[in-house]
Amino acid sequence: MKFGLTGDTHNNLKNIEIICNIFNESDLDFVVHTGDITLPKALEKFNKLKMPFMGVFGNNDQGDKTELLEVCVKYNFDFDAYPKVIKQNNSNIFVVHDPLDIEESFYGEGNIIVHGHTHRFRDEVINGTHIFNPGECAGFMKGKNSIGVVNTALPSMDVINF
């Protein structure tokens, strides 16, 4: 199974359009957002995705959370308070915004943890668990925008820069 990974889009409508186009051209089962969408109009832009869209809200989403949840209902987006757990065969994908919210119970052979918040690339294995963050995609660091495609079979993450 493969899924798209993005986060910390911080209301960058232009980048969200690019992200949707890249993911729509990929062979993905779903797309995960690790939070900090920021405004409902930014979340609405993700309705261009041709696959299921899910994720968590970040610290910068709290002020507009009611309106963000309304957008989720409107477009059938699957967002939860973190951690969000996506079950896959005998392992789990844990979705959090802030890596400080990673709990000891998330670690286990074959599990995957994805997070945002730091705007920094992360691809490491701790206690048999792969931890991924593709990095910056909000446009704050010009030329450093990136999203990920996670292959759960390996597991591995390919980074796509734009």
C-alpha atoms as a PDB file:
ATOM      1  CA  MET A   1       0.000   0.000   0.000  1.00  0.00           C
ATOM      2  CA  LYS A   2       1.165   3.540  -0.756  1.00  0.00           C
ATOM      3  CA  PHE A   3      -0.068   6.800   0.662  1.00  0.00           C
ATOM      4  CA  GLY A   4       0.736  10.462   0.151  1.00  0.00           C
ATOM      5  CA  LEU A   5       2.054  12.441   3.097  1.00  0.00           C
ATOM      6  CA  THR A   6       1.888  16.190   3.606  1.00  0.00           C
ATOM      7  CA  GLY A   7       1.506  18.633   6.464  1.00  0.00           C
ATOM      8  CA  ASP A   8       2.096  22.168   7.632  1.00  0.00           C
ATOM      9  CA  THR A   9       0.550  23.642   4.495  1.00  0.00           C
ATOM     10  CA  HIS A  10      -0.306  26.809   6.483  1.00  0.00           C
ATOM     11  CA  ASN A  11      -2.884  28.222   4.101  1.00  0.00           C
ATOM     12  CA  ASN A  12      -0.580  28.191   1.042  1.00  0.00           C
ATOM     13  CA  LEU A  13      -3.306  27.741  -1.584  1.00  0.00           C
ATOM     14  CA  LYS A  14      -0.861  27.652  -4.493  1.00  0.00           C
ATOM     15  CA  ASN A  15       1.162  24.841  -2.932  1.00  0.00           C
ATOM     16  CA  ILE A  16      -1.970  22.894  -1.997  1.00  0.00           C
ATOM     17  CA  GLU A  17      -2.996  22.912  -5.652  1.00  0.00           C
ATOM     18  CA  ILE A  18       0.448  21.610  -6.648  1.00  0.00           C
ATOM     19  CA  ILE A  19       0.315  18.961  -3.910  1.00  0.00           C
ATOM     20  CA  CYS A  20      -3.089  17.727  -5.111  1.00  0.00           C
ATOM     21  CA  ASN A  21      -1.863  17.532  -8.716  1.00  0.00           C
ATOM     22  CA  ILE A  22       1.229  15.547  -7.739  1.00  0.00           C
ATOM     23  CA  PHE A  23      -0.739  13.112  -5.589  1.00  0.00           C
ATOM     24  CA  ASN A  24      -3.430  12.691  -8.273  1.00  0.00           C
ATOM     25  CA  GLU A  25      -0.727  11.681 -10.751  1.00  0.00           C
ATOM     26  CA  SER A  26       0.607   9.068  -8.318  1.00  0.00           C
ATOM     27  CA  ASP A  27      -0.799   5.619  -7.643  1.00  0.00           C
ATOM     28  CA  LEU A  28      -1.920   6.132  -4.034  1.00  0.00           C
ATOM     29  CA  ASP A  29      -4.463   4.501  -1.761  1.00  0.00           C
ATOM     30  CA  PHE A  30      -5.027   7.661   0.302  1.00  0.00           C
ATOM     31  CA  VAL A  31      -3.399  10.931   1.438  1.00  0.00           C
ATOM     32  CA  VAL A  32      -2.531  11.900   5.033  1.00  0.00           C
ATOM     33  CA  HIS A  33      -2.174  15.467   6.319  1.00  0.00           C
ATOM     34  CA  THR A  34      -0.275  15.884   9.597  1.00  0.00           C
ATOM     35  CA  GLY A  35      -1.906  19.178  10.567  1.00  0.00           C
ATOM     36  CA  ASP A  36      -1.544  22.951  10.394  1.00  0.00           C
ATOM     37  CA  ILE A  37      -3.818  23.486   7.431  1.00  0.00           C
ATOM     38  CA  THR A  38      -4.768  26.780   9.110  1.00  0.00           C
ATOM     39  CA  LEU A  39      -7.957  28.006   7.379  1.00  0.00           C
ATOM     40  CA  PRO A  40     -11.103  26.278   6.080  1.00  0.00           C
ATOM     41  CA  LYS A  41     -10.555  27.691   2.562  1.00  0.00           C
ATOM     42  CA  ALA A  42      -7.194  25.887   2.470  1.00  0.00           C
ATOM     43  CA  LEU A  43      -8.742  22.590   3.568  1.00  0.00           C
ATOM     44  CA  GLU A  44     -11.411  22.952   0.865  1.00  0.00           C
ATOM     45  CA  LYS A  45      -8.663  23.009  -1.802  1.00  0.00           C
ATOM     46  CA  PHE A  46      -7.902  19.361  -0.972  1.00  0.00           C
ATOM     47  CA  ASN A  47     -11.269  18.365  -2.471  1.00  0.00           C
ATOM     48  CA  LYS A  48      -9.344  18.095  -5.758  1.00  0.00           C
ATOM     49  CA  LEU A  49      -7.775  14.848  -4.540  1.00  0.00           C
ATOM     50  CA  LYS A  50      -9.014  11.719  -6.312  1.00  0.00           C
ATOM     51  CA  MET A  51      -8.403   9.454  -3.317  1.00  0.00           C
ATOM     52  CA  PRO A  52      -9.466   9.462   0.349  1.00  0.00           C
ATOM     53  CA  PHE A  53      -8.025  12.289   2.445  1.00  0.00           C
ATOM     54  CA  MET A  54      -7.422  11.955   6.180  1.00  0.00           C
ATOM     55  CA  GLY A  55      -5.329  13.388   8.937  1.00  0.00           C
ATOM     56  CA  VAL A  56      -5.146  15.365  12.151  1.00  0.00           C
ATOM     57  CA  PHE A  57      -5.364  19.018  13.073  1.00  0.00           C
ATOM     58  CA  GLY A  58      -2.310  20.894  14.327  1.00  0.00           C
ATOM     59  CA  ASN A  59      -1.717  23.673  16.810  1.00  0.00           C
ATOM     60  CA  ASN A  60      -2.450  26.353  14.181  1.00  0.00           C
ATOM     61  CA  ASP A  61      -5.828  24.790  13.335  1.00  0.00           C
ATOM     62  CA  GLN A  62      -7.431  25.247  16.736  1.00  0.00           C
ATOM     63  CA  GLY A  63      -8.933  28.711  16.181  1.00  0.00           C
ATOM     64  CA  ASP A  64     -10.941  27.572  13.142  1.00  0.00           C
ATOM     65  CA  LYS A  65     -11.502  23.964  14.190  1.00  0.00           C
ATOM     66  CA  THR A  66     -15.322  24.137  14.064  1.00  0.00           C
ATOM     67  CA  GLU A  67     -15.236  25.447  10.483  1.00  0.00           C
ATOM     68  CA  LEU A  68     -12.509  22.952   9.528  1.00  0.00           C
ATOM     69  CA  LEU A  69     -14.689  20.109  10.812  1.00  0.00           C
ATOM     70  CA  GLU A  70     -17.584  21.428   8.716  1.00  0.00           C
ATOM     71  CA  VAL A  71     -15.358  21.240   5.616  1.00  0.00           C
ATOM     72  CA  CYS A  72     -14.440  17.653   6.567  1.00  0.00           C
ATOM     73  CA  VAL A  73     -18.114  16.711   6.718  1.00  0.00           C
ATOM     74  CA  LYS A  74     -18.850  18.482   3.419  1.00  0.00           C
ATOM     75  CA  TYR A  75     -16.115  16.613   1.515  1.00  0.00           C
ATOM     76  CA  ASN A  76     -16.037  13.384   3.545  1.00  0.00           C
ATOM     77  CA  PHE A  77     -12.489  14.020   4.811  1.00  0.00           C
ATOM     78  CA  ASP A  78     -11.510  11.751   7.718  1.00  0.00           C
ATOM     79  CA  PHE A  79      -9.833  13.952  10.339  1.00  0.00           C
ATOM     80  CA  ASP A  80      -9.485  13.167  14.032  1.00  0.00           C
ATOM     81  CA  ALA A  81      -7.847  14.544  17.108  1.00  0.00           C
ATOM     82  CA  TYR A  82      -4.415  13.023  17.286  1.00  0.00           C
ATOM     83  CA  PRO A  83      -3.271  10.441  17.471  1.00  0.00           C
ATOM     84  CA  LYS A  84      -5.096   9.052  14.464  1.00  0.00           C
ATOM     85  CA  VAL A  85      -4.496   5.341  14.019  1.00  0.00           C
ATOM     86  CA  ILE A  86      -4.760   3.721  10.600  1.00  0.00           C
ATOM     87  CA  LYS A  87      -4.849  -0.065  10.917  1.00  0.00           C
ATOM     88  CA  GLN A  88      -2.977  -2.042   8.293  1.00  0.00           C
ATOM     89  CA  ASN A  89      -2.717  -5.834   8.472  1.00  0.00           C
ATOM     90  CA  ASN A  90      -0.636  -6.543  11.609  1.00  0.00           C
ATOM     91  CA  SER A  91       0.729  -3.023  12.012  1.00  0.00           C
ATOM     92  CA  ASN A  92      -0.464   0.527  12.562  1.00  0.00           C
ATOM     93  CA  ILE A  93       0.167   3.952  11.094  1.00  0.00           C
ATOM     94  CA  PHE A  94       0.083   6.624  13.813  1.00  0.00           C
ATOM     95  CA  VAL A  95      -0.556  10.212  12.737  1.00  0.00           C
ATOM     96  CA  VAL A  96       0.329  13.102  15.045  1.00  0.00           C
ATOM     97  CA  HIS A  97       1.116  16.732  14.444  1.00  0.00           C
ATOM     98  CA  ASP A  98       3.846  17.415  16.980  1.00  0.00           C
ATOM     99  CA  PRO A  99       6.552  14.746  17.428  1.00  0.00           C
ATOM    100  CA  LEU A 100       6.407  15.463  21.172  1.00  0.00           C
ATOM    101  CA  ASP A 101       3.012  13.703  21.074  1.00  0.00           C
ATOM    102  CA  ILE A 102       4.585  10.401  20.036  1.00  0.00           C
ATOM    103  CA  GLU A 103       3.871   7.884  22.777  1.00  0.00           C
ATOM    104  CA  GLU A 104       5.910   4.841  23.767  1.00  0.00           C
ATOM    105  CA  SER A 105       2.937   2.627  22.845  1.00  0.00           C
ATOM    106  CA  PHE A 106       3.262   3.684  19.172  1.00  0.00           C
ATOM    107  CA  TYR A 107       6.534   1.811  18.810  1.00  0.00           C
ATOM    108  CA  GLY A 108       6.347  -1.728  17.494  1.00  0.00           C
ATOM    109  CA  GLU A 109       7.822  -3.832  14.744  1.00  0.00           C
ATOM    110  CA  GLY A 110       6.252  -2.786  11.423  1.00  0.00           C
ATOM    111  CA  ASN A 111       4.508   0.317  12.774  1.00  0.00           C
ATOM    112  CA  ILE A 112       4.833   3.686  11.074  1.00  0.00           C
ATOM    113  CA  ILE A 113       4.617   7.111  12.727  1.00  0.00           C
ATOM    114  CA  VAL A 114       4.103  10.250  10.634  1.00  0.00           C
ATOM    115  CA  HIS A 115       4.228  13.790  11.963  1.00  0.00           C
ATOM    116  CA  GLY A 116       4.617  17.413  10.959  1.00  0.00           C
ATOM    117  CA  HIS A 117       5.121  20.540  13.078  1.00  0.00           C
ATOM    118  CA  THR A 118       8.920  20.819  12.724  1.00  0.00           C
ATOM    119  CA  HIS A 119       8.978  21.615   8.970  1.00  0.00           C
ATOM    120  CA  ARG A 120      12.043  19.339   8.851  1.00  0.00           C
ATOM    121  CA  PHE A 121      12.700  16.140   6.950  1.00  0.00           C
ATOM    122  CA  ARG A 122      12.726  13.001   9.055  1.00  0.00           C
ATOM    123  CA  ASP A 123      13.230   9.402   7.957  1.00  0.00           C
ATOM    124  CA  GLU A 124      14.459   7.156  10.744  1.00  0.00           C
ATOM    125  CA  VAL A 125      13.817   3.884  12.491  1.00  0.00           C
ATOM    126  CA  ILE A 126      13.449   3.683  16.265  1.00  0.00           C
ATOM    127  CA  ASN A 127      12.602   0.394  18.000  1.00  0.00           C
ATOM    128  CA  GLY A 128      11.552  -1.182  14.699  1.00  0.00           C
ATOM    129  CA  THR A 129       9.198   1.710  13.911  1.00  0.00           C
ATOM    130  CA  HIS A 130       9.646   3.956  10.886  1.00  0.00           C
ATOM    131  CA  ILE A 131       9.139   7.666  11.549  1.00  0.00           C
ATOM    132  CA  PHE A 132       8.521   9.990   8.601  1.00  0.00           C
ATOM    133  CA  ASN A 133       8.096  13.709   7.996  1.00  0.00           C
ATOM    134  CA  PRO A 134       8.685  14.876   4.404  1.00  0.00           C
ATOM    135  CA  GLY A 135       9.518  18.375   5.641  1.00  0.00           C
ATOM    136  CA  GLU A 136       8.511  21.815   4.472  1.00  0.00           C
ATOM    137  CA  CYS A 137       5.626  22.425   2.082  1.00  0.00           C
ATOM    138  CA  ALA A 138       4.152  25.703   3.297  1.00  0.00           C
ATOM    139  CA  GLY A 139       6.405  27.848   1.151  1.00  0.00           C
ATOM    140  CA  PHE A 140       8.346  29.308   4.060  1.00  0.00           C
ATOM    141  CA  MET A 141      11.641  28.015   2.697  1.00  0.00           C
ATOM    142  CA  LYS A 142      11.695  28.767  -1.010  1.00  0.00           C
ATOM    143  CA  GLY A 143      12.739  25.813  -3.143  1.00  0.00           C
ATOM    144  CA  LYS A 144      12.445  23.452  -0.195  1.00  0.00           C
ATOM    145  CA  ASN A 145       8.807  22.407  -0.542  1.00  0.00           C
ATOM    146  CA  SER A 146       8.432  18.655  -0.222  1.00  0.00           C
ATOM    147  CA  ILE A 147       5.815  15.960   0.206  1.00  0.00           C
ATOM    148  CA  GLY A 148       6.198  12.234   0.685  1.00  0.00           C
ATOM    149  CA  VAL A 149       4.960   8.985  -0.756  1.00  0.00           C
ATOM    150  CA  VAL A 150       5.110   6.234   1.848  1.00  0.00           C
ATOM    151  CA  ASN A 151       5.317   2.612   0.752  1.00  0.00           C
ATOM    152  CA  THR A 152       4.078   0.589   3.705  1.00  0.00           C
ATOM    153  CA  ALA A 153       5.360  -2.712   2.311  1.00  0.00           C
ATOM    154  CA  LEU A 154       9.033  -1.757   2.730  1.00  0.00           C
ATOM    155  CA  PRO A 155       8.426   0.666   4.624  1.00  0.00           C
ATOM    156  CA  SER A 156      10.046   3.635   2.937  1.00  0.00           C
ATOM    157  CA  MET A 157       9.314   7.231   1.991  1.00  0.00           C
ATOM    158  CA  ASP A 158      10.112   8.867  -1.314  1.00  0.00           C
ATOM    159  CA  VAL A 159      10.345  12.645  -1.097  1.00  0.00           C
ATOM    160  CA  ILE A 160       8.993  14.778  -3.935  1.00  0.00           C
ATOM    161  CA  ASN A 161      10.368  18.319  -4.047  1.00  0.00           C
ATOM    162  CA  PHE A 162       8.587  21.178  -5.757  1.00  0.00           C
END
